[in-house]
Amino acid sequence: MKRPVIIAAPGAFERSGLRRLVSETFPAADLRESTSAPELVQALDARFAGLVVLDEAMLQQQGAEAVLQGPLARLGTRLIRLSRDPVSAGPPIGTWARDLPDRLRRALTVQTLPTTALQPDSAPPDLPQGAQGSGRAPQHAGRTARPACLLVASSTGGPGALAQLLQAIPQGGPPWIIAQHMPSHGTQAFAAHLSEVTGRQVREAGGRDLPAAGDLIVLRGGQDFELQRRQDGALSLRPALLTSSPFHPNADTLMLSAAASGIAAAALILSGMGEDGAIGAAALSAAGHPVFVQAPETCVVAGMPGAALARLPMLQKIDPGTPPLSLLRLCAPQL
């Protein structure tokens, strides 16, 4: 079924450019247009369930901001706002062309998730409402089926936690794909450092790659990656368009791509600033896959684990120095 997408822009030139960008990213999209705030309000009042791509120039129309405030707030993650440069007279089509495809992919992936996976104040998937404070874990937390891979989000303080985990977990399990926030010139040396301190073979992936059992892969810094499954069943890593996030490799991009491809990926959120990995972890958890977070009290910076726990409070927290049996069983084929 086609997904409806409203392009809300007052200018014909902008609407034409946005139609092309959206149709190139999602050829099957049901494209609609709104040229004014009243038109957009009418479209949203008609139980519209798709996405809205909004040129913020529409908010400059007389009375538009007040009229649209409520309808736009109700859209939540289904609204993609395209900002304008106040210094420049024309629309920043180049910036939109760079950022919009990735923002659309994220919004469409998040739209497919259960609401409980996206709201910080709601119970995690598989838990009834009102059970947030009960101490119960999600029903899938005890599964022992081994995932196809482990996707790791790591930033400030994460390298030390990774070294501890790799020293504790036996070799030969599913591949680890590590999104360590780092510039491009640093990840090859980081992979070599992990190899030296853990005695494990860790390598950098900078382009297309086929992760296999036992692989320990550090994604090249400064760029983003998607994970897909080939027709022959093999996992396939490939570079993706950079997100607007300041953190690269971006863990949300990696995890959301795995969820969208139906890959049985486990996730691990380690120490770091910001919120990268929280949305992607919610997507994987909603699909029934295990998600672990580093216990905030063991983090150098607890921002990333804290953001994931804010969305899914019952995620299992781990101490990298003493990983729990549940994580060992997922990662070690002999247990």
C-alpha atoms as a PDB file:
ATOM      1  CA  MET A   1       0.000   0.000   0.000  1.00  0.00           C
ATOM      2  CA  LYS A   2       1.289   3.449  -0.917  1.00  0.00           C
ATOM      3  CA  ARG A   3       2.308   5.723   1.937  1.00  0.00           C
ATOM      4  CA  PRO A   4       0.758   9.205   1.715  1.00  0.00           C
ATOM      5  CA  VAL A   5       3.198  12.103   1.919  1.00  0.00           C
ATOM      6  CA  ILE A   6       2.009  15.715   1.969  1.00  0.00           C
ATOM      7  CA  ILE A   7       4.417  18.297   0.582  1.00  0.00           C
ATOM      8  CA  ALA A   8       3.487  21.522   2.338  1.00  0.00           C
ATOM      9  CA  ALA A   9       5.155  24.505   0.680  1.00  0.00           C
ATOM     10  CA  PRO A  10       3.781  27.841  -0.521  1.00  0.00           C
ATOM     11  CA  GLY A  11       6.098  28.121  -3.524  1.00  0.00           C
ATOM     12  CA  ALA A  12       5.662  26.200  -6.787  1.00  0.00           C
ATOM     13  CA  PHE A  13       9.430  25.905  -7.261  1.00  0.00           C
ATOM     14  CA  GLU A  14       9.887  24.416  -3.809  1.00  0.00           C
ATOM     15  CA  ARG A  15       6.983  21.992  -4.267  1.00  0.00           C
ATOM     16  CA  SER A  16       8.391  20.825  -7.576  1.00  0.00           C
ATOM     17  CA  GLY A  17      11.841  20.223  -6.115  1.00  0.00           C
ATOM     18  CA  LEU A  18      10.455  18.432  -3.065  1.00  0.00           C
ATOM     19  CA  ARG A  19       8.208  16.215  -5.217  1.00  0.00           C
ATOM     20  CA  ARG A  20      11.272  15.115  -7.151  1.00  0.00           C
ATOM     21  CA  LEU A  21      13.293  14.426  -3.993  1.00  0.00           C
ATOM     22  CA  VAL A  22      10.504  12.434  -2.330  1.00  0.00           C
ATOM     23  CA  SER A  23       9.613  10.463  -5.464  1.00  0.00           C
ATOM     24  CA  GLU A  24      13.264   9.544  -6.031  1.00  0.00           C
ATOM     25  CA  THR A  25      13.577   8.274  -2.463  1.00  0.00           C
ATOM     26  CA  PHE A  26      10.172   6.530  -2.391  1.00  0.00           C
ATOM     27  CA  PRO A  27       8.807   5.988  -5.913  1.00  0.00           C
ATOM     28  CA  ALA A  28       5.640   4.379  -4.506  1.00  0.00           C
ATOM     29  CA  ALA A  29       4.732   7.331  -2.273  1.00  0.00           C
ATOM     30  CA  ASP A  30       1.231   8.802  -2.625  1.00  0.00           C
ATOM     31  CA  LEU A  31       2.273  12.437  -3.065  1.00  0.00           C
ATOM     32  CA  ARG A  32      -0.088  15.233  -2.143  1.00  0.00           C
ATOM     33  CA  GLU A  33       0.392  18.993  -1.915  1.00  0.00           C
ATOM     34  CA  SER A  34      -0.704  21.826   0.355  1.00  0.00           C
ATOM     35  CA  THR A  35       0.076  25.407  -0.580  1.00  0.00           C
ATOM     36  CA  SER A  36      -1.293  27.189   2.487  1.00  0.00           C
ATOM     37  CA  ALA A  37      -1.942  26.681   6.175  1.00  0.00           C
ATOM     38  CA  PRO A  38      -5.743  26.270   5.735  1.00  0.00           C
ATOM     39  CA  GLU A  39      -5.187  23.617   3.053  1.00  0.00           C
ATOM     40  CA  LEU A  40      -2.793  21.727   5.312  1.00  0.00           C
ATOM     41  CA  VAL A  41      -5.145  21.907   8.305  1.00  0.00           C
ATOM     42  CA  GLN A  42      -7.959  20.531   6.153  1.00  0.00           C
ATOM     43  CA  ALA A  43      -5.770  17.665   4.944  1.00  0.00           C
ATOM     44  CA  LEU A  44      -4.695  16.798   8.481  1.00  0.00           C
ATOM     45  CA  ASP A  45      -8.260  16.955   9.775  1.00  0.00           C
ATOM     46  CA  ALA A  46      -9.222  14.233   7.313  1.00  0.00           C
ATOM     47  CA  ARG A  47      -7.551  11.531   9.466  1.00  0.00           C
ATOM     48  CA  PHE A  48      -4.334  11.761   7.514  1.00  0.00           C
ATOM     49  CA  ALA A  49      -1.994   8.942   8.589  1.00  0.00           C
ATOM     50  CA  GLY A  50       1.111   9.615   6.499  1.00  0.00           C
ATOM     51  CA  LEU A  51       4.071  11.995   6.611  1.00  0.00           C
ATOM     52  CA  VAL A  52       4.248  15.753   6.134  1.00  0.00           C
ATOM     53  CA  VAL A  53       7.270  17.462   4.588  1.00  0.00           C
ATOM     54  CA  LEU A  54       6.923  21.115   5.616  1.00  0.00           C
ATOM     55  CA  ASP A  55       8.765  24.072   4.130  1.00  0.00           C
ATOM     56  CA  GLU A  56       8.919  26.406   7.130  1.00  0.00           C
ATOM     57  CA  ALA A  57       8.225  29.319   4.798  1.00  0.00           C
ATOM     58  CA  MET A  58       4.573  28.303   5.163  1.00  0.00           C
ATOM     59  CA  LEU A  59       4.731  29.277   8.829  1.00  0.00           C
ATOM     60  CA  GLN A  60       5.513  32.857   7.763  1.00  0.00           C
ATOM     61  CA  GLN A  61       2.057  33.237   6.205  1.00  0.00           C
ATOM     62  CA  GLN A  62      -0.261  35.459   8.236  1.00  0.00           C
ATOM     63  CA  GLY A  63      -1.800  33.496  11.114  1.00  0.00           C
ATOM     64  CA  ALA A  64      -0.278  30.206   9.906  1.00  0.00           C
ATOM     65  CA  GLU A  65       1.783  29.422  12.980  1.00  0.00           C
ATOM     66  CA  ALA A  66      -1.180  29.716  15.340  1.00  0.00           C
ATOM     67  CA  VAL A  67      -3.454  27.667  13.068  1.00  0.00           C
ATOM     68  CA  LEU A  68      -0.903  24.901  12.523  1.00  0.00           C
ATOM     69  CA  GLN A  69       0.515  24.634  16.034  1.00  0.00           C
ATOM     70  CA  GLY A  70      -1.885  21.915  17.218  1.00  0.00           C
ATOM     71  CA  PRO A  71      -2.081  19.830  14.011  1.00  0.00           C
ATOM     72  CA  LEU A  72       1.710  19.838  13.601  1.00  0.00           C
ATOM     73  CA  ALA A  73       2.283  18.862  17.244  1.00  0.00           C
ATOM     74  CA  ARG A  74      -0.023  15.855  16.796  1.00  0.00           C
ATOM     75  CA  LEU A  75       2.079  14.588  13.895  1.00  0.00           C
ATOM     76  CA  GLY A  76       5.062  13.905  16.147  1.00  0.00           C
ATOM     77  CA  THR A  77       7.743  11.958  14.249  1.00  0.00           C
ATOM     78  CA  ARG A  78       5.616  12.072  11.094  1.00  0.00           C
ATOM     79  CA  LEU A  79       6.531  15.731  10.563  1.00  0.00           C
ATOM     80  CA  ILE A  80       9.715  16.669   8.685  1.00  0.00           C
ATOM     81  CA  ARG A  81      10.374  20.392   8.975  1.00  0.00           C
ATOM     82  CA  LEU A  82      12.675  21.966   6.396  1.00  0.00           C
ATOM     83  CA  SER A  83      14.314  25.046   7.806  1.00  0.00           C
ATOM     84  CA  ARG A  84      15.266  28.197   5.926  1.00  0.00           C
ATOM     85  CA  ASP A  85      18.430  30.261   6.198  1.00  0.00           C
ATOM     86  CA  PRO A  86      17.286  33.686   7.408  1.00  0.00           C
ATOM     87  CA  VAL A  87      20.231  35.322   5.630  1.00  0.00           C
ATOM     88  CA  SER A  88      19.524  33.768   2.221  1.00  0.00           C
ATOM     89  CA  ALA A  89      16.568  34.850   0.122  1.00  0.00           C
ATOM     90  CA  GLY A  90      16.077  31.592  -1.750  1.00  0.00           C
ATOM     91  CA  PRO A  91      15.248  28.055  -0.605  1.00  0.00           C
ATOM     92  CA  PRO A  92      18.231  25.866   0.430  1.00  0.00           C
ATOM     93  CA  ILE A  93      17.410  23.157  -2.119  1.00  0.00           C
ATOM     94  CA  GLY A  94      20.953  21.783  -1.944  1.00  0.00           C
ATOM     95  CA  THR A  95      20.725  21.232   1.814  1.00  0.00           C
ATOM     96  CA  TRP A  96      17.280  19.692   1.452  1.00  0.00           C
ATOM     97  CA  ALA A  97      18.531  17.349  -1.278  1.00  0.00           C
ATOM     98  CA  ARG A  98      21.349  16.187   0.988  1.00  0.00           C
ATOM     99  CA  ASP A  99      19.302  15.688   4.161  1.00  0.00           C
ATOM    100  CA  LEU A 100      15.741  14.848   3.129  1.00  0.00           C
ATOM    101  CA  PRO A 101      16.197  11.268   1.804  1.00  0.00           C
ATOM    102  CA  ASP A 102      17.709  10.071   5.073  1.00  0.00           C
ATOM    103  CA  ARG A 103      15.140  11.934   7.163  1.00  0.00           C
ATOM    104  CA  LEU A 104      12.352  10.319   5.137  1.00  0.00           C
ATOM    105  CA  ARG A 105      13.805   6.845   5.646  1.00  0.00           C
ATOM    106  CA  ARG A 106      14.016   7.419   9.386  1.00  0.00           C
ATOM    107  CA  ALA A 107      10.487   8.779   9.626  1.00  0.00           C
ATOM    108  CA  LEU A 108       9.001   5.931   7.603  1.00  0.00           C
ATOM    109  CA  THR A 109      10.859   3.330   9.657  1.00  0.00           C
ATOM    110  CA  VAL A 110       9.774   4.893  12.948  1.00  0.00           C
ATOM    111  CA  GLN A 111       6.183   5.122  11.660  1.00  0.00           C
ATOM    112  CA  THR A 112       6.050   1.321  11.418  1.00  0.00           C
ATOM    113  CA  LEU A 113       6.956   0.856  15.116  1.00  0.00           C
ATOM    114  CA  PRO A 114       4.414   0.345  17.889  1.00  0.00           C
ATOM    115  CA  THR A 115       3.728   3.587  19.755  1.00  0.00           C
ATOM    116  CA  THR A 116       5.098   2.055  22.963  1.00  0.00           C
ATOM    117  CA  ALA A 117       8.530   1.810  21.384  1.00  0.00           C
ATOM    118  CA  LEU A 118       8.659   5.520  20.658  1.00  0.00           C
ATOM    119  CA  GLN A 119       7.245   7.248  23.717  1.00  0.00           C
ATOM    120  CA  PRO A 120       9.601   7.780  26.662  1.00  0.00           C
ATOM    121  CA  ASP A 121       6.724   7.676  29.161  1.00  0.00           C
ATOM    122  CA  SER A 122       5.172   4.438  27.890  1.00  0.00           C
ATOM    123  CA  ALA A 123       5.846   0.847  28.846  1.00  0.00           C
ATOM    124  CA  PRO A 124       8.304  -1.102  26.686  1.00  0.00           C
ATOM    125  CA  PRO A 125       7.004  -3.585  24.081  1.00  0.00           C
ATOM    126  CA  ASP A 126       5.446  -6.746  25.527  1.00  0.00           C
ATOM    127  CA  LEU A 127       4.655  -5.006  28.831  1.00  0.00           C
ATOM    128  CA  PRO A 128       1.159  -3.876  29.797  1.00  0.00           C
ATOM    129  CA  GLN A 129       0.609  -0.208  30.527  1.00  0.00           C
ATOM    130  CA  GLY A 130       1.293   0.608  34.151  1.00  0.00           C
ATOM    131  CA  ALA A 131       4.089  -1.948  34.497  1.00  0.00           C
ATOM    132  CA  GLN A 132       6.916   0.581  34.032  1.00  0.00           C
ATOM    133  CA  GLY A 133       7.860   0.499  37.670  1.00  0.00           C
ATOM    134  CA  SER A 134       7.258  -3.185  38.295  1.00  0.00           C
ATOM    135  CA  GLY A 135      10.822  -4.283  37.624  1.00  0.00           C
ATOM    136  CA  ARG A 136       9.676  -6.813  35.063  1.00  0.00           C
ATOM    137  CA  ALA A 137      11.770  -7.297  31.943  1.00  0.00           C
ATOM    138  CA  PRO A 138      10.311  -7.465  28.420  1.00  0.00           C
ATOM    139  CA  GLN A 139       9.081 -10.937  27.549  1.00  0.00           C
ATOM    140  CA  HIS A 140      11.761 -11.390  24.912  1.00  0.00           C
ATOM    141  CA  ALA A 141      14.622 -10.562  27.284  1.00  0.00           C
ATOM    142  CA  GLY A 142      15.149 -14.178  28.242  1.00  0.00           C
ATOM    143  CA  ARG A 143      15.340 -15.592  24.745  1.00  0.00           C
ATOM    144  CA  THR A 144      18.437 -17.636  23.982  1.00  0.00           C
ATOM    145  CA  ALA A 145      18.097 -17.758  20.180  1.00  0.00           C
ATOM    146  CA  ARG A 146      21.307 -16.273  18.802  1.00  0.00           C
ATOM    147  CA  PRO A 147      21.003 -13.132  16.701  1.00  0.00           C
ATOM    148  CA  ALA A 148      22.428 -12.669  13.221  1.00  0.00           C
ATOM    149  CA  CYS A 149      24.691  -9.915  14.563  1.00  0.00           C
ATOM    150  CA  LEU A 150      25.299  -7.565  17.474  1.00  0.00           C
ATOM    151  CA  LEU A 151      25.088  -3.849  16.669  1.00  0.00           C
ATOM    152  CA  VAL A 152      27.038  -1.682  19.104  1.00  0.00           C
ATOM    153  CA  ALA A 153      26.582   2.057  19.717  1.00  0.00           C
ATOM    154  CA  SER A 154      29.617   3.572  21.412  1.00  0.00           C
ATOM    155  CA  SER A 155      30.974   7.047  22.069  1.00  0.00           C
ATOM    156  CA  THR A 156      32.856   8.755  24.923  1.00  0.00           C
ATOM    157  CA  GLY A 157      33.897   6.048  27.387  1.00  0.00           C
ATOM    158  CA  GLY A 158      32.821   3.261  25.047  1.00  0.00           C
ATOM    159  CA  PRO A 159      36.290   2.066  23.957  1.00  0.00           C
ATOM    160  CA  GLY A 160      37.195   0.937  27.477  1.00  0.00           C
ATOM    161  CA  ALA A 161      33.871  -0.871  27.850  1.00  0.00           C
ATOM    162  CA  LEU A 162      34.371  -2.572  24.481  1.00  0.00           C
ATOM    163  CA  ALA A 163      37.820  -3.807  25.485  1.00  0.00           C
ATOM    164  CA  GLN A 164      36.421  -5.318  28.673  1.00  0.00           C
ATOM    165  CA  LEU A 165      33.580  -7.045  26.844  1.00  0.00           C
ATOM    166  CA  LEU A 166      35.777  -8.487  24.101  1.00  0.00           C
ATOM    167  CA  GLN A 167      38.143  -9.899  26.697  1.00  0.00           C
ATOM    168  CA  ALA A 168      35.258 -11.571  28.548  1.00  0.00           C
ATOM    169  CA  ILE A 169      33.156 -12.979  25.693  1.00  0.00           C
ATOM    170  CA  PRO A 170      34.362 -16.137  23.871  1.00  0.00           C
ATOM    171  CA  GLN A 171      35.163 -16.031  20.164  1.00  0.00           C
ATOM    172  CA  GLY A 172      33.176 -17.444  17.289  1.00  0.00           C
ATOM    173  CA  GLY A 173      29.716 -15.948  17.814  1.00  0.00           C
ATOM    174  CA  PRO A 174      27.711 -13.614  15.577  1.00  0.00           C
ATOM    175  CA  PRO A 175      29.563 -10.641  14.081  1.00  0.00           C
ATOM    176  CA  TRP A 176      29.901  -7.468  16.114  1.00  0.00           C
ATOM    177  CA  ILE A 177      29.373  -4.268  14.102  1.00  0.00           C
ATOM    178  CA  ILE A 178      30.595  -1.318  16.139  1.00  0.00           C
ATOM    179  CA  ALA A 179      29.507   2.269  15.493  1.00  0.00           C
ATOM    180  CA  GLN A 180      32.151   4.132  17.499  1.00  0.00           C
ATOM    181  CA  HIS A 181      31.768   7.913  17.210  1.00  0.00           C
ATOM    182  CA  MET A 182      35.132   8.922  15.844  1.00  0.00           C
ATOM    183  CA  PRO A 183      36.597  10.852  12.886  1.00  0.00           C
ATOM    184  CA  SER A 184      37.627   8.928   9.777  1.00  0.00           C
ATOM    185  CA  HIS A 185      41.345   9.055  10.556  1.00  0.00           C
ATOM    186  CA  GLY A 186      40.907   7.400  13.954  1.00  0.00           C
ATOM    187  CA  THR A 187      38.954   4.170  13.485  1.00  0.00           C
ATOM    188  CA  GLN A 188      41.653   2.068  11.811  1.00  0.00           C
ATOM    189  CA  ALA A 189      44.002   2.788  14.702  1.00  0.00           C
ATOM    190  CA  PHE A 190      41.166   2.130  17.143  1.00  0.00           C
ATOM    191  CA  ALA A 191      40.531  -1.293  15.595  1.00  0.00           C
ATOM    192  CA  ALA A 192      44.253  -2.078  15.859  1.00  0.00           C
ATOM    193  CA  HIS A 193      44.216  -0.952  19.510  1.00  0.00           C
ATOM    194  CA  LEU A 194      41.302  -3.264  20.318  1.00  0.00           C
ATOM    195  CA  SER A 195      43.144  -6.122  18.625  1.00  0.00           C
ATOM    196  CA  GLU A 196      46.240  -5.436  20.716  1.00  0.00           C
ATOM    197  CA  VAL A 197      44.524  -5.172  24.104  1.00  0.00           C
ATOM    198  CA  THR A 198      42.053  -8.039  23.612  1.00  0.00           C
ATOM    199  CA  GLY A 199      44.051 -10.527  21.530  1.00  0.00           C
ATOM    200  CA  ARG A 200      41.121 -10.645  19.093  1.00  0.00           C
ATOM    201  CA  GLN A 201      41.194  -9.802  15.397  1.00  0.00           C
ATOM    202  CA  VAL A 202      39.319  -6.509  14.980  1.00  0.00           C
ATOM    203  CA  ARG A 203      39.131  -4.815  11.594  1.00  0.00           C
ATOM    204  CA  GLU A 204      37.824  -1.569  10.132  1.00  0.00           C
ATOM    205  CA  ALA A 205      35.097  -1.551   7.461  1.00  0.00           C
ATOM    206  CA  GLY A 206      35.124   1.497   5.215  1.00  0.00           C
ATOM    207  CA  GLY A 207      32.957   0.447   2.276  1.00  0.00           C
ATOM    208  CA  ARG A 208      30.785  -2.468   1.246  1.00  0.00           C
ATOM    209  CA  ASP A 209      31.376  -5.447   3.507  1.00  0.00           C
ATOM    210  CA  LEU A 210      29.955  -8.903   4.205  1.00  0.00           C
ATOM    211  CA  PRO A 211      30.021  -9.498   7.976  1.00  0.00           C
ATOM    212  CA  ALA A 212      30.379 -13.171   8.884  1.00  0.00           C
ATOM    213  CA  ALA A 213      30.356 -15.205  12.090  1.00  0.00           C
ATOM    214  CA  GLY A 214      33.193 -14.266  14.418  1.00  0.00           C
ATOM    215  CA  ASP A 215      33.899 -10.916  12.764  1.00  0.00           C
ATOM    216  CA  LEU A 216      34.614  -7.892  14.944  1.00  0.00           C
ATOM    217  CA  ILE A 217      34.072  -4.831  12.771  1.00  0.00           C
ATOM    218  CA  VAL A 218      34.648  -1.157  13.578  1.00  0.00           C
ATOM    219  CA  LEU A 219      32.842   1.088  11.097  1.00  0.00           C
ATOM    220  CA  ARG A 220      34.978   3.782   9.537  1.00  0.00           C
ATOM    221  CA  GLY A 221      34.563   7.099  11.317  1.00  0.00           C
ATOM    222  CA  GLY A 222      32.980  10.155   9.793  1.00  0.00           C
ATOM    223  CA  GLN A 223      30.452   8.231   7.690  1.00  0.00           C
ATOM    224  CA  ASP A 224      27.249   6.244   8.161  1.00  0.00           C
ATOM    225  CA  PHE A 225      26.323   2.689   7.200  1.00  0.00           C
ATOM    226  CA  GLU A 226      23.246   0.572   6.477  1.00  0.00           C
ATOM    227  CA  LEU A 227      22.868  -3.157   7.109  1.00  0.00           C
ATOM    228  CA  GLN A 228      20.841  -5.292   4.703  1.00  0.00           C
ATOM    229  CA  ARG A 229      20.440  -8.955   3.826  1.00  0.00           C
ATOM    230  CA  ARG A 230      21.357 -10.223   0.370  1.00  0.00           C
ATOM    231  CA  GLN A 231      19.271 -12.704  -1.603  1.00  0.00           C
ATOM    232  CA  ASP A 232      21.701 -15.469  -0.631  1.00  0.00           C
ATOM    233  CA  GLY A 233      21.041 -14.714   3.056  1.00  0.00           C
ATOM    234  CA  ALA A 234      24.386 -13.029   3.784  1.00  0.00           C
ATOM    235  CA  LEU A 235      24.525  -9.781   5.722  1.00  0.00           C
ATOM    236  CA  SER A 236      25.644  -6.790   3.703  1.00  0.00           C
ATOM    237  CA  LEU A 237      27.071  -3.520   5.008  1.00  0.00           C
ATOM    238  CA  ARG A 238      27.161  -0.493   2.757  1.00  0.00           C
ATOM    239  CA  PRO A 239      27.801   3.231   3.174  1.00  0.00           C
ATOM    240  CA  ALA A 240      24.716   5.408   3.692  1.00  0.00           C
ATOM    241  CA  LEU A 241      23.993   9.085   3.285  1.00  0.00           C
ATOM    242  CA  LEU A 242      25.163  11.106   6.251  1.00  0.00           C
ATOM    243  CA  THR A 243      22.427  12.052   8.683  1.00  0.00           C
ATOM    244  CA  SER A 244      22.041  15.531  10.112  1.00  0.00           C
ATOM    245  CA  SER A 245      23.250  14.147  13.448  1.00  0.00           C
ATOM    246  CA  PRO A 246      26.714  15.279  14.572  1.00  0.00           C
ATOM    247  CA  PHE A 247      27.558  11.683  15.556  1.00  0.00           C
ATOM    248  CA  HIS A 248      29.097   9.366  12.950  1.00  0.00           C
ATOM    249  CA  PRO A 249      29.074   6.485  12.357  1.00  0.00           C
ATOM    250  CA  ASN A 250      25.438   6.888  13.353  1.00  0.00           C
ATOM    251  CA  ALA A 251      24.097   3.943  15.350  1.00  0.00           C
ATOM    252  CA  ASP A 252      20.447   4.853  14.754  1.00  0.00           C
ATOM    253  CA  THR A 253      20.984   4.670  10.986  1.00  0.00           C
ATOM    254  CA  LEU A 254      22.625   1.256  11.342  1.00  0.00           C
ATOM    255  CA  MET A 255      19.993  -0.193  13.683  1.00  0.00           C
ATOM    256  CA  LEU A 256      16.989   1.230  11.845  1.00  0.00           C
ATOM    257  CA  SER A 257      18.253  -0.244   8.577  1.00  0.00           C
ATOM    258  CA  ALA A 258      18.557  -3.671  10.212  1.00  0.00           C
ATOM    259  CA  ALA A 259      15.039  -3.402  11.635  1.00  0.00           C
ATOM    260  CA  ALA A 260      13.642  -2.289   8.279  1.00  0.00           C
ATOM    261  CA  SER A 261      15.336  -5.266   6.576  1.00  0.00           C
ATOM    262  CA  GLY A 262      13.949  -7.780   9.071  1.00  0.00           C
ATOM    263  CA  ILE A 263      17.402  -8.753  10.344  1.00  0.00           C
ATOM    264  CA  ALA A 264      17.455 -10.456  13.746  1.00  0.00           C
ATOM    265  CA  ALA A 265      19.993  -8.082  15.238  1.00  0.00           C
ATOM    266  CA  ALA A 266      20.752  -7.627  18.917  1.00  0.00           C
ATOM    267  CA  ALA A 267      21.788  -4.166  20.107  1.00  0.00           C
ATOM    268  CA  LEU A 268      24.166  -2.879  22.759  1.00  0.00           C
ATOM    269  CA  ILE A 269      24.301   0.783  23.836  1.00  0.00           C
ATOM    270  CA  LEU A 270      27.545   1.763  25.545  1.00  0.00           C
ATOM    271  CA  SER A 271      28.810   4.903  27.243  1.00  0.00           C
ATOM    272  CA  GLY A 272      28.530   8.120  25.282  1.00  0.00           C
ATOM    273  CA  MET A 273      27.075  11.609  25.058  1.00  0.00           C
ATOM    274  CA  GLY A 274      23.879  12.391  23.197  1.00  0.00           C
ATOM    275  CA  GLU A 275      21.044  10.004  22.321  1.00  0.00           C
ATOM    276  CA  ASP A 276      22.392   8.018  19.363  1.00  0.00           C
ATOM    277  CA  GLY A 277      21.125   4.441  19.333  1.00  0.00           C
ATOM    278  CA  ALA A 278      17.960   5.048  21.365  1.00  0.00           C
ATOM    279  CA  ILE A 279      15.550   5.128  18.404  1.00  0.00           C
ATOM    280  CA  GLY A 280      17.299   2.251  16.651  1.00  0.00           C
ATOM    281  CA  ALA A 281      17.295   0.149  19.810  1.00  0.00           C
ATOM    282  CA  ALA A 282      13.565   0.816  20.212  1.00  0.00           C
ATOM    283  CA  ALA A 283      12.984  -0.423  16.661  1.00  0.00           C
ATOM    284  CA  LEU A 284      14.885  -3.662  17.277  1.00  0.00           C
ATOM    285  CA  SER A 285      13.217  -4.206  20.648  1.00  0.00           C
ATOM    286  CA  ALA A 286       9.796  -3.678  19.090  1.00  0.00           C
ATOM    287  CA  ALA A 287      10.655  -6.427  16.594  1.00  0.00           C
ATOM    288  CA  GLY A 288      11.420  -8.782  19.495  1.00  0.00           C
ATOM    289  CA  HIS A 289      15.212  -8.627  19.415  1.00  0.00           C
ATOM    290  CA  PRO A 290      17.345  -8.302  22.571  1.00  0.00           C
ATOM    291  CA  VAL A 291      18.751  -4.938  23.560  1.00  0.00           C
ATOM    292  CA  PHE A 292      21.341  -4.312  26.292  1.00  0.00           C
ATOM    293  CA  VAL A 293      22.593  -1.025  27.719  1.00  0.00           C
ATOM    294  CA  GLN A 294      25.655  -0.278  29.780  1.00  0.00           C
ATOM    295  CA  ALA A 295      24.616   0.422  33.358  1.00  0.00           C
ATOM    296  CA  PRO A 296      24.697   4.241  33.694  1.00  0.00           C
ATOM    297  CA  GLU A 297      26.709   4.094  36.920  1.00  0.00           C
ATOM    298  CA  THR A 298      29.549   2.355  35.034  1.00  0.00           C
ATOM    299  CA  CYS A 299      29.629   4.901  32.174  1.00  0.00           C
ATOM    300  CA  VAL A 300      32.056   7.749  31.639  1.00  0.00           C
ATOM    301  CA  VAL A 301      29.119   9.611  30.053  1.00  0.00           C
ATOM    302  CA  ALA A 302      25.687   8.045  30.544  1.00  0.00           C
ATOM    303  CA  GLY A 303      23.800  10.023  27.874  1.00  0.00           C
ATOM    304  CA  MET A 304      23.296   7.265  25.296  1.00  0.00           C
ATOM    305  CA  PRO A 305      22.327   4.456  27.699  1.00  0.00           C
ATOM    306  CA  GLY A 306      20.132   6.926  29.581  1.00  0.00           C
ATOM    307  CA  ALA A 307      18.289   7.927  26.396  1.00  0.00           C
ATOM    308  CA  ALA A 308      17.609   4.278  25.559  1.00  0.00           C
ATOM    309  CA  LEU A 309      16.382   3.591  29.090  1.00  0.00           C
ATOM    310  CA  ALA A 310      14.109   6.642  28.923  1.00  0.00           C
ATOM    311  CA  ARG A 311      12.323   5.008  25.991  1.00  0.00           C
ATOM    312  CA  LEU A 312      12.487   1.437  27.265  1.00  0.00           C
ATOM    313  CA  PRO A 313      12.999   1.447  31.043  1.00  0.00           C
ATOM    314  CA  MET A 314      13.129  -2.358  31.344  1.00  0.00           C
ATOM    315  CA  LEU A 315      16.161  -2.896  29.115  1.00  0.00           C
ATOM    316  CA  GLN A 316      18.794  -5.119  30.692  1.00  0.00           C
ATOM    317  CA  LYS A 317      21.696  -3.129  32.124  1.00  0.00           C
ATOM    318  CA  ILE A 318      25.164  -4.639  32.046  1.00  0.00           C
ATOM    319  CA  ASP A 319      28.538  -4.043  33.655  1.00  0.00           C
ATOM    320  CA  PRO A 320      31.143  -4.485  30.885  1.00  0.00           C
ATOM    321  CA  GLY A 321      33.590  -5.982  33.388  1.00  0.00           C
ATOM    322  CA  THR A 322      31.176  -8.780  34.294  1.00  0.00           C
ATOM    323  CA  PRO A 323      28.813  -9.347  31.343  1.00  0.00           C
ATOM    324  CA  PRO A 324      25.664 -11.295  32.274  1.00  0.00           C
ATOM    325  CA  LEU A 325      25.014 -14.867  31.198  1.00  0.00           C
ATOM    326  CA  SER A 326      22.195 -13.678  28.907  1.00  0.00           C
ATOM    327  CA  LEU A 327      24.672 -11.649  26.816  1.00  0.00           C
ATOM    328  CA  LEU A 328      27.282 -14.420  26.900  1.00  0.00           C
ATOM    329  CA  ARG A 329      24.741 -16.934  25.589  1.00  0.00           C
ATOM    330  CA  LEU A 330      23.763 -14.668  22.736  1.00  0.00           C
ATOM    331  CA  CYS A 331      27.357 -14.098  21.685  1.00  0.00           C
ATOM    332  CA  ALA A 332      29.055 -17.421  22.417  1.00  0.00           C
ATOM    333  CA  PRO A 333      28.138 -20.484  20.299  1.00  0.00           C
ATOM    334  CA  GLN A 334      29.401 -22.988  22.860  1.00  0.00           C
ATOM    335  CA  LEU A 335      27.258 -21.800  25.801  1.00  0.00           C
END
